[in-house]
Amino acid sequence: MPVLREPSTHTIVVLGRPITAEAFGVVARGMAALGVNIDFIRGVSDYPVTGLELRVSVPPGAAYGQLQAALAQVAVAESIDTLSRTTAWRDGPSASSCSTSTPP
């Protein structure tokens, strides 16, 4: 695992069947538009469902709600599922959000 100067502030898990390069590109561009940096990518599953864990850094002052909304839009548009969770221990209790491409 690479050495990071500052710990990542959030973890995002992306699930798809499969996750296409196009879908991942949409996720990455959506996060970049909010100033979110992808620090680390780790594959967590391969078959039958592809899973990627993204450790990301959300800039100070950025609205977590904007990130959640962007991930929800991508989930529906690209037929993937996303789960985001804060990982910054210094910020107190963790918060999480799940966006799915399929109705409950």
N, C-alpha and C. Protein backbone atom coordinates (compact mmCIF):
# COMPACT_ATOMS: atom_id res chain seq x y z
N MET A 1 0.84 -1.17 0.00
CA MET A 1 0.00 0.00 0.00
C MET A 1 0.89 1.24 0.00
N PRO A 2 0.57 2.23 -0.83
CA PRO A 2 1.40 3.43 -0.88
C PRO A 2 1.29 4.25 0.41
N VAL A 3 2.32 5.03 0.68
CA VAL A 3 2.33 5.89 1.85
C VAL A 3 1.66 7.21 1.47
N LEU A 4 0.63 7.58 2.23
CA LEU A 4 -0.10 8.81 1.97
C LEU A 4 0.27 9.83 3.04
N ARG A 5 0.45 11.07 2.65
CA ARG A 5 0.80 12.10 3.61
C ARG A 5 -0.34 12.39 4.57
N GLU A 6 -1.53 12.46 4.08
CA GLU A 6 -2.71 12.66 4.90
C GLU A 6 -3.62 11.45 4.69
N PRO A 7 -4.29 11.01 5.74
CA PRO A 7 -5.19 9.87 5.55
C PRO A 7 -6.38 10.26 4.69
N SER A 8 -6.86 9.31 3.93
CA SER A 8 -8.05 9.53 3.12
C SER A 8 -9.22 9.85 4.03
N THR A 9 -10.13 10.68 3.55
CA THR A 9 -11.26 11.09 4.38
C THR A 9 -12.49 10.22 4.17
N HIS A 10 -12.58 9.54 3.03
CA HIS A 10 -13.76 8.74 2.71
C HIS A 10 -13.36 7.45 1.99
N THR A 11 -14.21 6.47 2.11
CA THR A 11 -14.08 5.24 1.34
C THR A 11 -15.33 5.10 0.48
N ILE A 12 -15.13 4.80 -0.78
CA ILE A 12 -16.24 4.58 -1.71
C ILE A 12 -16.07 3.18 -2.28
N VAL A 13 -17.13 2.39 -2.23
CA VAL A 13 -17.12 1.07 -2.84
C VAL A 13 -18.05 1.13 -4.05
N VAL A 14 -17.53 0.68 -5.18
CA VAL A 14 -18.29 0.66 -6.43
C VAL A 14 -18.48 -0.80 -6.82
N LEU A 15 -19.73 -1.20 -7.07
CA LEU A 15 -20.04 -2.57 -7.46
C LEU A 15 -20.73 -2.54 -8.82
N GLY A 16 -20.39 -3.50 -9.67
CA GLY A 16 -21.02 -3.59 -10.98
C GLY A 16 -20.90 -4.98 -11.54
N ARG A 17 -21.67 -5.22 -12.57
CA ARG A 17 -21.68 -6.55 -13.17
C ARG A 17 -21.52 -6.42 -14.67
N PRO A 18 -20.38 -6.05 -15.16
CA PRO A 18 -19.13 -5.64 -14.51
C PRO A 18 -19.10 -4.11 -14.34
N ILE A 19 -17.98 -3.60 -13.82
CA ILE A 19 -17.72 -2.17 -13.85
C ILE A 19 -16.92 -1.92 -15.11
N THR A 20 -17.52 -1.25 -16.06
CA THR A 20 -16.82 -0.99 -17.32
C THR A 20 -15.85 0.18 -17.14
N ALA A 21 -14.90 0.29 -18.04
CA ALA A 21 -13.96 1.41 -18.00
C ALA A 21 -14.73 2.72 -18.16
N GLU A 22 -15.75 2.71 -18.99
CA GLU A 22 -16.56 3.91 -19.17
C GLU A 22 -17.26 4.31 -17.87
N ALA A 23 -17.85 3.34 -17.19
CA ALA A 23 -18.54 3.63 -15.92
C ALA A 23 -17.56 4.16 -14.88
N PHE A 24 -16.37 3.54 -14.79
CA PHE A 24 -15.39 4.02 -13.82
C PHE A 24 -14.93 5.42 -14.19
N GLY A 25 -14.78 5.69 -15.47
CA GLY A 25 -14.40 7.03 -15.91
C GLY A 25 -15.42 8.08 -15.50
N VAL A 26 -16.71 7.73 -15.58
CA VAL A 26 -17.77 8.65 -15.16
C VAL A 26 -17.68 8.90 -13.66
N VAL A 27 -17.43 7.84 -12.88
CA VAL A 27 -17.26 7.99 -11.43
C VAL A 27 -16.08 8.93 -11.14
N ALA A 28 -14.94 8.67 -11.77
CA ALA A 28 -13.73 9.47 -11.53
C ALA A 28 -13.92 10.93 -11.94
N ARG A 29 -14.54 11.16 -13.09
CA ARG A 29 -14.77 12.54 -13.52
C ARG A 29 -15.74 13.27 -12.60
N GLY A 30 -16.76 12.57 -12.12
CA GLY A 30 -17.72 13.17 -11.20
C GLY A 30 -17.06 13.59 -9.90
N MET A 31 -16.16 12.75 -9.40
CA MET A 31 -15.45 13.10 -8.16
C MET A 31 -14.47 14.23 -8.40
N ALA A 32 -13.77 14.20 -9.53
CA ALA A 32 -12.80 15.26 -9.84
C ALA A 32 -13.50 16.62 -9.96
N ALA A 33 -14.71 16.64 -10.49
CA ALA A 33 -15.45 17.90 -10.63
C ALA A 33 -15.75 18.53 -9.27
N LEU A 34 -15.78 17.70 -8.21
CA LEU A 34 -16.02 18.20 -6.86
C LEU A 34 -14.71 18.44 -6.10
N GLY A 35 -13.58 18.22 -6.77
CA GLY A 35 -12.29 18.41 -6.12
C GLY A 35 -11.85 17.22 -5.28
N VAL A 36 -12.52 16.09 -5.45
CA VAL A 36 -12.20 14.87 -4.70
C VAL A 36 -11.04 14.16 -5.38
N ASN A 37 -10.05 13.76 -4.60
CA ASN A 37 -8.88 13.07 -5.14
C ASN A 37 -8.94 11.58 -4.79
N ILE A 38 -8.72 10.71 -5.79
CA ILE A 38 -8.64 9.27 -5.54
C ILE A 38 -7.22 8.97 -5.08
N ASP A 39 -7.08 8.52 -3.83
CA ASP A 39 -5.77 8.22 -3.26
C ASP A 39 -5.32 6.80 -3.54
N PHE A 40 -6.26 5.88 -3.59
CA PHE A 40 -5.91 4.47 -3.68
C PHE A 40 -7.10 3.69 -4.22
N ILE A 41 -6.84 2.73 -5.09
CA ILE A 41 -7.88 1.86 -5.64
C ILE A 41 -7.49 0.42 -5.34
N ARG A 42 -8.46 -0.34 -4.81
CA ARG A 42 -8.20 -1.75 -4.51
C ARG A 42 -9.37 -2.59 -5.00
N GLY A 43 -9.07 -3.64 -5.73
CA GLY A 43 -10.11 -4.57 -6.15
C GLY A 43 -10.53 -5.44 -4.97
N VAL A 44 -11.84 -5.53 -4.72
CA VAL A 44 -12.32 -6.34 -3.60
C VAL A 44 -13.11 -7.56 -4.05
N SER A 45 -13.50 -7.59 -5.33
CA SER A 45 -14.14 -8.78 -5.88
C SER A 45 -14.03 -8.74 -7.39
N ASP A 46 -14.17 -9.92 -8.01
CA ASP A 46 -13.96 -10.01 -9.44
C ASP A 46 -15.13 -10.66 -10.17
N TYR A 47 -15.64 -11.77 -9.65
CA TYR A 47 -16.68 -12.49 -10.35
C TYR A 47 -17.63 -13.11 -9.34
N PRO A 48 -18.89 -13.06 -9.53
CA PRO A 48 -19.65 -12.55 -10.68
C PRO A 48 -19.87 -11.03 -10.63
N VAL A 49 -19.58 -10.42 -9.48
CA VAL A 49 -19.74 -8.97 -9.35
C VAL A 49 -18.37 -8.35 -9.14
N THR A 50 -18.07 -7.31 -9.91
CA THR A 50 -16.80 -6.59 -9.74
C THR A 50 -16.98 -5.56 -8.64
N GLY A 51 -15.99 -5.50 -7.74
CA GLY A 51 -16.03 -4.52 -6.66
C GLY A 51 -14.71 -3.77 -6.57
N LEU A 52 -14.79 -2.45 -6.45
CA LEU A 52 -13.61 -1.62 -6.28
C LEU A 52 -13.77 -0.77 -5.03
N GLU A 53 -12.74 -0.74 -4.21
CA GLU A 53 -12.72 0.14 -3.05
C GLU A 53 -11.84 1.33 -3.39
N LEU A 54 -12.40 2.52 -3.28
CA LEU A 54 -11.66 3.75 -3.56
C LEU A 54 -11.46 4.49 -2.24
N ARG A 55 -10.22 4.76 -1.89
CA ARG A 55 -9.94 5.64 -0.75
C ARG A 55 -9.75 7.02 -1.35
N VAL A 56 -10.54 7.98 -0.90
CA VAL A 56 -10.53 9.31 -1.50
C VAL A 56 -10.35 10.39 -0.44
N SER A 57 -9.89 11.54 -0.88
CA SER A 57 -9.77 12.72 -0.02
C SER A 57 -10.71 13.79 -0.53
N VAL A 58 -11.64 14.17 0.33
CA VAL A 58 -12.58 15.24 0.01
C VAL A 58 -12.00 16.52 0.59
N PRO A 59 -11.91 17.58 -0.20
CA PRO A 59 -11.28 18.80 0.29
C PRO A 59 -12.05 19.40 1.47
N PRO A 60 -11.34 20.06 2.38
CA PRO A 60 -12.02 20.71 3.51
C PRO A 60 -13.07 21.69 3.01
N GLY A 61 -14.21 21.67 3.65
CA GLY A 61 -15.28 22.58 3.27
C GLY A 61 -16.18 22.06 2.16
N ALA A 62 -15.80 20.97 1.53
CA ALA A 62 -16.64 20.41 0.46
C ALA A 62 -17.85 19.73 1.09
N ALA A 63 -18.96 19.81 0.43
CA ALA A 63 -20.20 19.24 0.95
C ALA A 63 -20.26 17.74 0.65
N TYR A 64 -20.34 16.94 1.71
CA TYR A 64 -20.46 15.49 1.55
C TYR A 64 -21.74 15.16 0.79
N GLY A 65 -22.78 15.96 0.97
CA GLY A 65 -24.04 15.74 0.26
C GLY A 65 -23.88 15.83 -1.25
N GLN A 66 -23.01 16.71 -1.71
CA GLN A 66 -22.75 16.83 -3.16
C GLN A 66 -22.11 15.55 -3.69
N LEU A 67 -21.18 14.99 -2.92
CA LEU A 67 -20.54 13.74 -3.33
C LEU A 67 -21.58 12.62 -3.39
N GLN A 68 -22.43 12.54 -2.37
CA GLN A 68 -23.48 11.52 -2.35
C GLN A 68 -24.41 11.66 -3.55
N ALA A 69 -24.80 12.89 -3.85
CA ALA A 69 -25.71 13.13 -4.98
C ALA A 69 -25.05 12.75 -6.30
N ALA A 70 -23.77 13.10 -6.46
CA ALA A 70 -23.05 12.76 -7.69
C ALA A 70 -22.94 11.25 -7.85
N LEU A 71 -22.63 10.54 -6.77
CA LEU A 71 -22.53 9.08 -6.84
C LEU A 71 -23.88 8.45 -7.15
N ALA A 72 -24.96 9.00 -6.62
CA ALA A 72 -26.30 8.48 -6.90
C ALA A 72 -26.64 8.64 -8.38
N GLN A 73 -26.30 9.78 -8.95
CA GLN A 73 -26.58 10.01 -10.37
C GLN A 73 -25.78 9.04 -11.25
N VAL A 74 -24.51 8.83 -10.90
CA VAL A 74 -23.68 7.91 -11.66
C VAL A 74 -24.20 6.49 -11.53
N ALA A 75 -24.63 6.11 -10.34
CA ALA A 75 -25.14 4.75 -10.12
C ALA A 75 -26.30 4.44 -11.05
N VAL A 76 -27.22 5.36 -11.17
CA VAL A 76 -28.38 5.15 -12.03
C VAL A 76 -27.98 5.18 -13.50
N ALA A 77 -27.17 6.16 -13.88
CA ALA A 77 -26.79 6.32 -15.29
C ALA A 77 -25.94 5.17 -15.82
N GLU A 78 -25.10 4.59 -14.95
CA GLU A 78 -24.14 3.58 -15.41
C GLU A 78 -24.48 2.16 -14.94
N SER A 79 -25.62 1.99 -14.30
CA SER A 79 -26.06 0.67 -13.80
C SER A 79 -25.03 0.03 -12.88
N ILE A 80 -24.56 0.82 -11.92
CA ILE A 80 -23.64 0.32 -10.90
C ILE A 80 -24.22 0.68 -9.54
N ASP A 81 -23.64 0.16 -8.48
CA ASP A 81 -24.03 0.51 -7.13
C ASP A 81 -22.83 1.15 -6.43
N THR A 82 -23.10 2.10 -5.54
CA THR A 82 -22.02 2.75 -4.80
C THR A 82 -22.38 2.83 -3.33
N LEU A 83 -21.36 2.78 -2.51
CA LEU A 83 -21.49 2.99 -1.07
C LEU A 83 -20.37 3.93 -0.67
N SER A 84 -20.71 5.02 0.00
CA SER A 84 -19.68 5.95 0.46
C SER A 84 -19.75 6.04 1.97
N ARG A 85 -18.57 6.20 2.58
CA ARG A 85 -18.49 6.25 4.03
C ARG A 85 -17.32 7.14 4.43
N THR A 86 -17.55 7.96 5.43
CA THR A 86 -16.45 8.77 5.93
C THR A 86 -15.49 7.86 6.67
N THR A 87 -14.21 8.14 6.56
CA THR A 87 -13.20 7.31 7.23
C THR A 87 -12.31 8.13 8.15
N ALA A 88 -12.58 9.41 8.27
CA ALA A 88 -11.73 10.28 9.08
C ALA A 88 -12.10 10.12 10.55
N TRP A 89 -11.29 9.43 11.29
CA TRP A 89 -11.56 9.18 12.71
C TRP A 89 -11.65 10.48 13.49
N ARG A 90 -10.94 11.50 13.04
CA ARG A 90 -10.91 12.75 13.78
C ARG A 90 -12.22 13.53 13.65
N ASP A 91 -13.09 13.12 12.74
CA ASP A 91 -14.35 13.83 12.53
C ASP A 91 -15.50 13.23 13.33
N GLY A 92 -15.22 12.29 14.20
CA GLY A 92 -16.28 11.70 15.00
C GLY A 92 -16.90 10.51 14.31
N PRO A 93 -18.17 10.21 14.63
CA PRO A 93 -18.82 9.02 14.08
C PRO A 93 -18.87 9.05 12.56
N SER A 94 -18.75 7.87 11.98
CA SER A 94 -18.79 7.75 10.52
C SER A 94 -20.22 7.89 10.02
N ALA A 95 -20.34 8.41 8.82
CA ALA A 95 -21.63 8.49 8.14
C ALA A 95 -21.50 7.71 6.85
N SER A 96 -22.59 7.11 6.40
CA SER A 96 -22.51 6.36 5.15
C SER A 96 -23.76 6.60 4.31
N SER A 97 -23.62 6.31 3.02
CA SER A 97 -24.71 6.48 2.07
C SER A 97 -24.58 5.41 1.00
N CYS A 98 -25.69 4.87 0.57
CA CYS A 98 -25.68 3.86 -0.48
C CYS A 98 -26.53 4.33 -1.64
N SER A 99 -26.01 4.18 -2.85
CA SER A 99 -26.75 4.52 -4.07
C SER A 99 -26.82 3.27 -4.92
N THR A 100 -28.00 2.92 -5.37
CA THR A 100 -28.17 1.72 -6.15
C THR A 100 -28.81 2.02 -7.50
N SER A 101 -28.45 1.23 -8.47
CA SER A 101 -29.01 1.42 -9.81
C SER A 101 -30.32 0.68 -9.99
N THR A 102 -30.67 -0.16 -9.03
CA THR A 102 -31.90 -0.93 -9.14
C THR A 102 -32.88 -0.53 -8.06
N PRO A 103 -34.17 -0.53 -8.35
CA PRO A 103 -35.14 -0.15 -7.33
C PRO A 103 -35.15 -1.17 -6.20
N PRO A 104 -35.51 -0.74 -4.98
CA PRO A 104 -35.53 -1.67 -3.83
C PRO A 104 -36.56 -2.75 -3.99
